[in-house]
Amino acid sequence: MRNHFDAAAAFIRCDAETRRSHTLIKMVSVIDMAHTTISGADRRFFAILGESGRLSDTAYPQLLSRSVMLHPPSFMYAMFSLAKVFMSKKQLDKQAFVSH
């Protein structure tokens, strides 16, 4: 859910449900990283992800409750350490890794 079209569509759905239920509805983004390889990872992706995240935080500050990464490969933890440089504390607090 990092492109702006997806963020706008998710906002519309969450906003409609919030108005219907009178309860703040937020989105949980789940990314299955099974079969992700190090050759498919790119530093530029994380820079763009960080910029897109900051824009989403500004345009839709209440939208994302949590972003969960399932089955992260071992190299992902090192890559995430690099990505932290480009991400705000608010974005970092919303990240979770689940490995099983």
N, C-alpha and C. Protein backbone atom coordinates (compact mmCIF):
# COMPACT_ATOMS: atom_id res chain seq x y z
N MET A 1 0.84 -1.18 0.00
CA MET A 1 0.00 0.00 0.00
C MET A 1 0.88 1.23 0.00
N ARG A 2 1.83 1.30 -0.82
CA ARG A 2 2.71 2.44 -0.82
C ARG A 2 2.48 3.35 -2.01
N ASN A 3 1.61 3.01 -2.96
CA ASN A 3 1.40 4.00 -4.00
C ASN A 3 0.20 4.85 -3.63
N HIS A 4 0.15 6.03 -4.18
CA HIS A 4 -0.84 7.01 -3.74
C HIS A 4 -2.26 6.64 -4.14
N PHE A 5 -2.42 5.94 -5.23
CA PHE A 5 -3.76 5.49 -5.62
C PHE A 5 -4.31 4.52 -4.57
N ASP A 6 -3.48 3.56 -4.15
CA ASP A 6 -3.90 2.61 -3.12
C ASP A 6 -4.23 3.31 -1.81
N ALA A 7 -3.41 4.30 -1.45
CA ALA A 7 -3.66 5.03 -0.21
C ALA A 7 -4.99 5.78 -0.28
N ALA A 8 -5.27 6.41 -1.41
CA ALA A 8 -6.54 7.13 -1.58
C ALA A 8 -7.72 6.17 -1.52
N ALA A 9 -7.60 5.03 -2.19
CA ALA A 9 -8.69 4.04 -2.19
C ALA A 9 -8.91 3.49 -0.78
N ALA A 10 -7.84 3.20 -0.06
CA ALA A 10 -7.97 2.69 1.31
C ALA A 10 -8.58 3.76 2.21
N PHE A 11 -8.18 5.01 2.01
CA PHE A 11 -8.76 6.09 2.82
C PHE A 11 -10.27 6.19 2.61
N ILE A 12 -10.70 6.10 1.37
CA ILE A 12 -12.14 6.19 1.07
C ILE A 12 -12.90 5.07 1.76
N ARG A 13 -12.35 3.84 1.69
CA ARG A 13 -13.02 2.70 2.35
C ARG A 13 -13.04 2.87 3.87
N CYS A 14 -11.91 3.24 4.45
CA CYS A 14 -11.83 3.41 5.91
C CYS A 14 -12.71 4.57 6.38
N ASP A 15 -12.71 5.65 5.62
CA ASP A 15 -13.53 6.81 5.98
C ASP A 15 -15.01 6.45 5.95
N ALA A 16 -15.44 5.72 4.93
CA ALA A 16 -16.86 5.31 4.83
C ALA A 16 -17.25 4.43 6.02
N GLU A 17 -16.38 3.49 6.38
CA GLU A 17 -16.68 2.60 7.51
C GLU A 17 -16.62 3.35 8.83
N THR A 18 -15.71 4.31 8.96
CA THR A 18 -15.63 5.15 10.16
C THR A 18 -16.93 5.92 10.34
N ARG A 19 -17.42 6.52 9.26
CA ARG A 19 -18.67 7.29 9.34
C ARG A 19 -19.87 6.40 9.64
N ARG A 20 -19.87 5.19 9.07
CA ARG A 20 -20.98 4.27 9.30
C ARG A 20 -20.99 3.75 10.75
N SER A 21 -19.83 3.42 11.25
CA SER A 21 -19.74 2.78 12.56
C SER A 21 -19.50 3.74 13.72
N HIS A 22 -19.15 4.99 13.40
CA HIS A 22 -18.81 5.99 14.42
C HIS A 22 -17.62 5.54 15.26
N THR A 23 -16.75 4.75 14.67
CA THR A 23 -15.51 4.27 15.29
C THR A 23 -14.39 4.47 14.28
N LEU A 24 -13.26 5.01 14.74
CA LEU A 24 -12.15 5.25 13.83
C LEU A 24 -11.62 3.93 13.28
N ILE A 25 -11.69 3.76 11.97
CA ILE A 25 -11.22 2.55 11.30
C ILE A 25 -9.87 2.85 10.65
N LYS A 26 -8.89 1.99 10.92
CA LYS A 26 -7.57 2.16 10.34
C LYS A 26 -7.22 0.93 9.52
N MET A 27 -6.22 1.06 8.69
CA MET A 27 -5.80 0.00 7.80
C MET A 27 -4.58 -0.73 8.35
N VAL A 28 -4.54 -2.03 8.12
CA VAL A 28 -3.35 -2.83 8.41
C VAL A 28 -2.85 -3.34 7.06
N SER A 29 -1.60 -3.06 6.77
CA SER A 29 -0.98 -3.50 5.52
C SER A 29 -0.16 -4.75 5.83
N VAL A 30 -0.38 -5.82 5.07
CA VAL A 30 0.36 -7.07 5.26
C VAL A 30 1.14 -7.37 3.98
N ILE A 31 2.45 -7.57 4.14
CA ILE A 31 3.32 -7.85 3.01
C ILE A 31 3.95 -9.21 3.24
N ASP A 32 3.65 -10.16 2.37
CA ASP A 32 4.25 -11.49 2.48
C ASP A 32 5.57 -11.48 1.72
N MET A 33 6.64 -11.67 2.45
CA MET A 33 7.98 -11.57 1.86
C MET A 33 8.58 -12.95 1.57
N ALA A 34 7.77 -13.98 1.63
CA ALA A 34 8.26 -15.31 1.30
C ALA A 34 8.78 -15.28 -0.14
N HIS A 35 9.85 -15.92 -0.38
CA HIS A 35 10.48 -16.02 -1.70
C HIS A 35 11.12 -14.71 -2.16
N THR A 36 11.31 -13.76 -1.24
CA THR A 36 12.02 -12.53 -1.58
C THR A 36 13.52 -12.84 -1.56
N THR A 37 14.22 -12.39 -2.56
CA THR A 37 15.66 -12.66 -2.64
C THR A 37 16.45 -11.36 -2.51
N ILE A 38 17.68 -11.50 -2.10
CA ILE A 38 18.52 -10.32 -1.95
C ILE A 38 18.79 -9.65 -3.30
N SER A 39 18.81 -10.43 -4.37
CA SER A 39 19.04 -9.84 -5.69
C SER A 39 17.85 -8.99 -6.13
N GLY A 40 16.68 -9.23 -5.54
CA GLY A 40 15.50 -8.45 -5.89
C GLY A 40 15.37 -7.18 -5.04
N ALA A 41 16.23 -7.03 -4.02
CA ALA A 41 16.16 -5.86 -3.13
C ALA A 41 16.97 -4.71 -3.73
N ASP A 42 16.50 -3.51 -3.55
CA ASP A 42 17.16 -2.35 -4.12
C ASP A 42 17.07 -1.19 -3.14
N ARG A 43 18.20 -0.55 -2.83
CA ARG A 43 18.23 0.58 -1.90
C ARG A 43 17.31 1.71 -2.35
N ARG A 44 17.23 1.90 -3.65
CA ARG A 44 16.38 2.98 -4.17
C ARG A 44 14.92 2.76 -3.79
N PHE A 45 14.53 1.48 -3.74
CA PHE A 45 13.16 1.15 -3.34
C PHE A 45 12.87 1.69 -1.94
N PHE A 46 13.81 1.51 -1.00
CA PHE A 46 13.59 1.97 0.37
C PHE A 46 13.55 3.50 0.45
N ALA A 47 14.35 4.17 -0.37
CA ALA A 47 14.31 5.63 -0.39
C ALA A 47 12.94 6.11 -0.87
N ILE A 48 12.44 5.48 -1.91
CA ILE A 48 11.11 5.84 -2.45
C ILE A 48 10.02 5.48 -1.44
N LEU A 49 10.17 4.32 -0.80
CA LEU A 49 9.21 3.89 0.21
C LEU A 49 9.13 4.91 1.34
N GLY A 50 10.28 5.39 1.78
CA GLY A 50 10.31 6.39 2.84
C GLY A 50 9.63 7.68 2.43
N GLU A 51 9.92 8.15 1.23
CA GLU A 51 9.30 9.39 0.72
C GLU A 51 7.79 9.22 0.57
N SER A 52 7.38 8.10 0.01
CA SER A 52 5.96 7.82 -0.15
C SER A 52 5.25 7.74 1.20
N GLY A 53 5.92 7.12 2.16
CA GLY A 53 5.36 7.01 3.51
C GLY A 53 5.16 8.38 4.15
N ARG A 54 6.16 9.25 3.99
CA ARG A 54 6.03 10.61 4.55
C ARG A 54 4.87 11.36 3.89
N LEU A 55 4.72 11.20 2.59
CA LEU A 55 3.60 11.84 1.90
C LEU A 55 2.26 11.29 2.39
N SER A 56 2.18 9.98 2.56
CA SER A 56 0.95 9.36 3.07
C SER A 56 0.65 9.83 4.49
N ASP A 57 1.70 9.96 5.32
CA ASP A 57 1.51 10.44 6.69
C ASP A 57 0.91 11.84 6.70
N THR A 58 1.30 12.65 5.73
CA THR A 58 0.79 14.01 5.64
C THR A 58 -0.64 14.03 5.09
N ALA A 59 -0.89 13.28 4.02
CA ALA A 59 -2.20 13.29 3.37
C ALA A 59 -3.25 12.49 4.15
N TYR A 60 -2.83 11.38 4.76
CA TYR A 60 -3.75 10.47 5.46
C TYR A 60 -3.16 10.09 6.82
N PRO A 61 -3.07 11.05 7.76
CA PRO A 61 -2.34 10.80 9.01
C PRO A 61 -2.91 9.68 9.87
N GLN A 62 -4.16 9.38 9.79
CA GLN A 62 -4.76 8.35 10.64
C GLN A 62 -5.01 7.03 9.91
N LEU A 63 -4.60 6.91 8.68
CA LEU A 63 -4.98 5.75 7.87
C LEU A 63 -4.30 4.45 8.30
N LEU A 64 -2.98 4.45 8.40
CA LEU A 64 -2.25 3.20 8.62
C LEU A 64 -2.07 2.93 10.11
N SER A 65 -2.62 1.83 10.56
CA SER A 65 -2.45 1.41 11.94
C SER A 65 -1.14 0.65 12.10
N ARG A 66 -0.87 -0.28 11.19
CA ARG A 66 0.32 -1.13 11.29
C ARG A 66 0.65 -1.70 9.93
N SER A 67 1.93 -1.87 9.66
CA SER A 67 2.40 -2.54 8.47
C SER A 67 3.15 -3.79 8.94
N VAL A 68 2.65 -4.96 8.54
CA VAL A 68 3.20 -6.23 9.00
C VAL A 68 3.89 -6.93 7.84
N MET A 69 5.14 -7.32 8.07
CA MET A 69 5.89 -8.05 7.06
C MET A 69 6.00 -9.51 7.49
N LEU A 70 5.37 -10.38 6.70
CA LEU A 70 5.39 -11.82 7.00
C LEU A 70 6.57 -12.49 6.32
N HIS A 71 7.14 -13.48 6.97
CA HIS A 71 8.21 -14.31 6.42
C HIS A 71 9.38 -13.50 5.88
N PRO A 72 9.89 -12.52 6.64
CA PRO A 72 11.01 -11.75 6.11
C PRO A 72 12.26 -12.62 6.03
N PRO A 73 12.99 -12.56 4.92
CA PRO A 73 14.25 -13.30 4.82
C PRO A 73 15.28 -12.66 5.77
N SER A 74 16.30 -13.39 6.14
CA SER A 74 17.26 -12.91 7.13
C SER A 74 17.93 -11.60 6.70
N PHE A 75 18.20 -11.43 5.42
CA PHE A 75 18.85 -10.19 4.98
C PHE A 75 17.95 -8.98 5.15
N MET A 76 16.65 -9.21 5.29
CA MET A 76 15.70 -8.11 5.39
C MET A 76 15.93 -7.25 6.63
N TYR A 77 16.39 -7.88 7.70
CA TYR A 77 16.64 -7.12 8.93
C TYR A 77 17.78 -6.11 8.70
N ALA A 78 18.80 -6.50 7.98
CA ALA A 78 19.90 -5.58 7.65
C ALA A 78 19.40 -4.48 6.71
N MET A 79 18.60 -4.87 5.73
CA MET A 79 18.06 -3.88 4.79
C MET A 79 17.16 -2.88 5.54
N PHE A 80 16.39 -3.38 6.50
CA PHE A 80 15.49 -2.51 7.25
C PHE A 80 16.29 -1.52 8.09
N SER A 81 17.45 -1.95 8.60
CA SER A 81 18.32 -1.03 9.34
C SER A 81 18.72 0.15 8.46
N LEU A 82 18.99 -0.12 7.20
CA LEU A 82 19.32 0.93 6.25
C LEU A 82 18.09 1.80 5.98
N ALA A 83 16.94 1.19 5.81
CA ALA A 83 15.71 1.92 5.51
C ALA A 83 15.32 2.85 6.66
N LYS A 84 15.67 2.50 7.88
CA LYS A 84 15.33 3.33 9.05
C LYS A 84 15.84 4.75 8.91
N VAL A 85 16.94 4.91 8.19
CA VAL A 85 17.53 6.23 7.98
C VAL A 85 16.55 7.14 7.23
N PHE A 86 15.75 6.56 6.35
CA PHE A 86 14.85 7.33 5.51
C PHE A 86 13.43 7.44 6.07
N MET A 87 13.15 6.74 7.18
CA MET A 87 11.78 6.68 7.70
C MET A 87 11.65 7.51 8.96
N SER A 88 10.45 8.07 9.16
CA SER A 88 10.19 8.84 10.37
C SER A 88 9.94 7.89 11.54
N LYS A 89 10.07 8.40 12.77
CA LYS A 89 9.80 7.59 13.96
C LYS A 89 8.37 7.07 13.93
N LYS A 90 7.48 7.89 13.48
CA LYS A 90 6.07 7.50 13.38
C LYS A 90 5.92 6.28 12.45
N GLN A 91 6.61 6.29 11.32
CA GLN A 91 6.57 5.16 10.40
C GLN A 91 7.20 3.92 11.02
N LEU A 92 8.33 4.10 11.69
CA LEU A 92 9.03 2.97 12.30
C LEU A 92 8.18 2.29 13.37
N ASP A 93 7.43 3.10 14.13
CA ASP A 93 6.59 2.54 15.18
C ASP A 93 5.46 1.68 14.62
N LYS A 94 5.13 1.86 13.36
CA LYS A 94 4.04 1.11 12.74
C LYS A 94 4.50 -0.18 12.07
N GLN A 95 5.80 -0.47 12.10
CA GLN A 95 6.35 -1.64 11.41
C GLN A 95 6.40 -2.84 12.35
N ALA A 96 6.11 -4.00 11.81
CA ALA A 96 6.23 -5.25 12.57
C ALA A 96 6.70 -6.37 11.63
N PHE A 97 7.53 -7.25 12.16
CA PHE A 97 8.00 -8.40 11.41
C PHE A 97 7.45 -9.66 12.08
N VAL A 98 6.95 -10.58 11.28
CA VAL A 98 6.44 -11.86 11.78
C VAL A 98 7.12 -12.97 10.99
N SER A 99 7.89 -13.80 11.68
CA SER A 99 8.56 -14.89 10.98
C SER A 99 8.15 -16.22 11.59
N HIS A 100 7.67 -17.11 10.76
CA HIS A 100 7.27 -18.45 11.18
C HIS A 100 7.65 -19.43 10.10
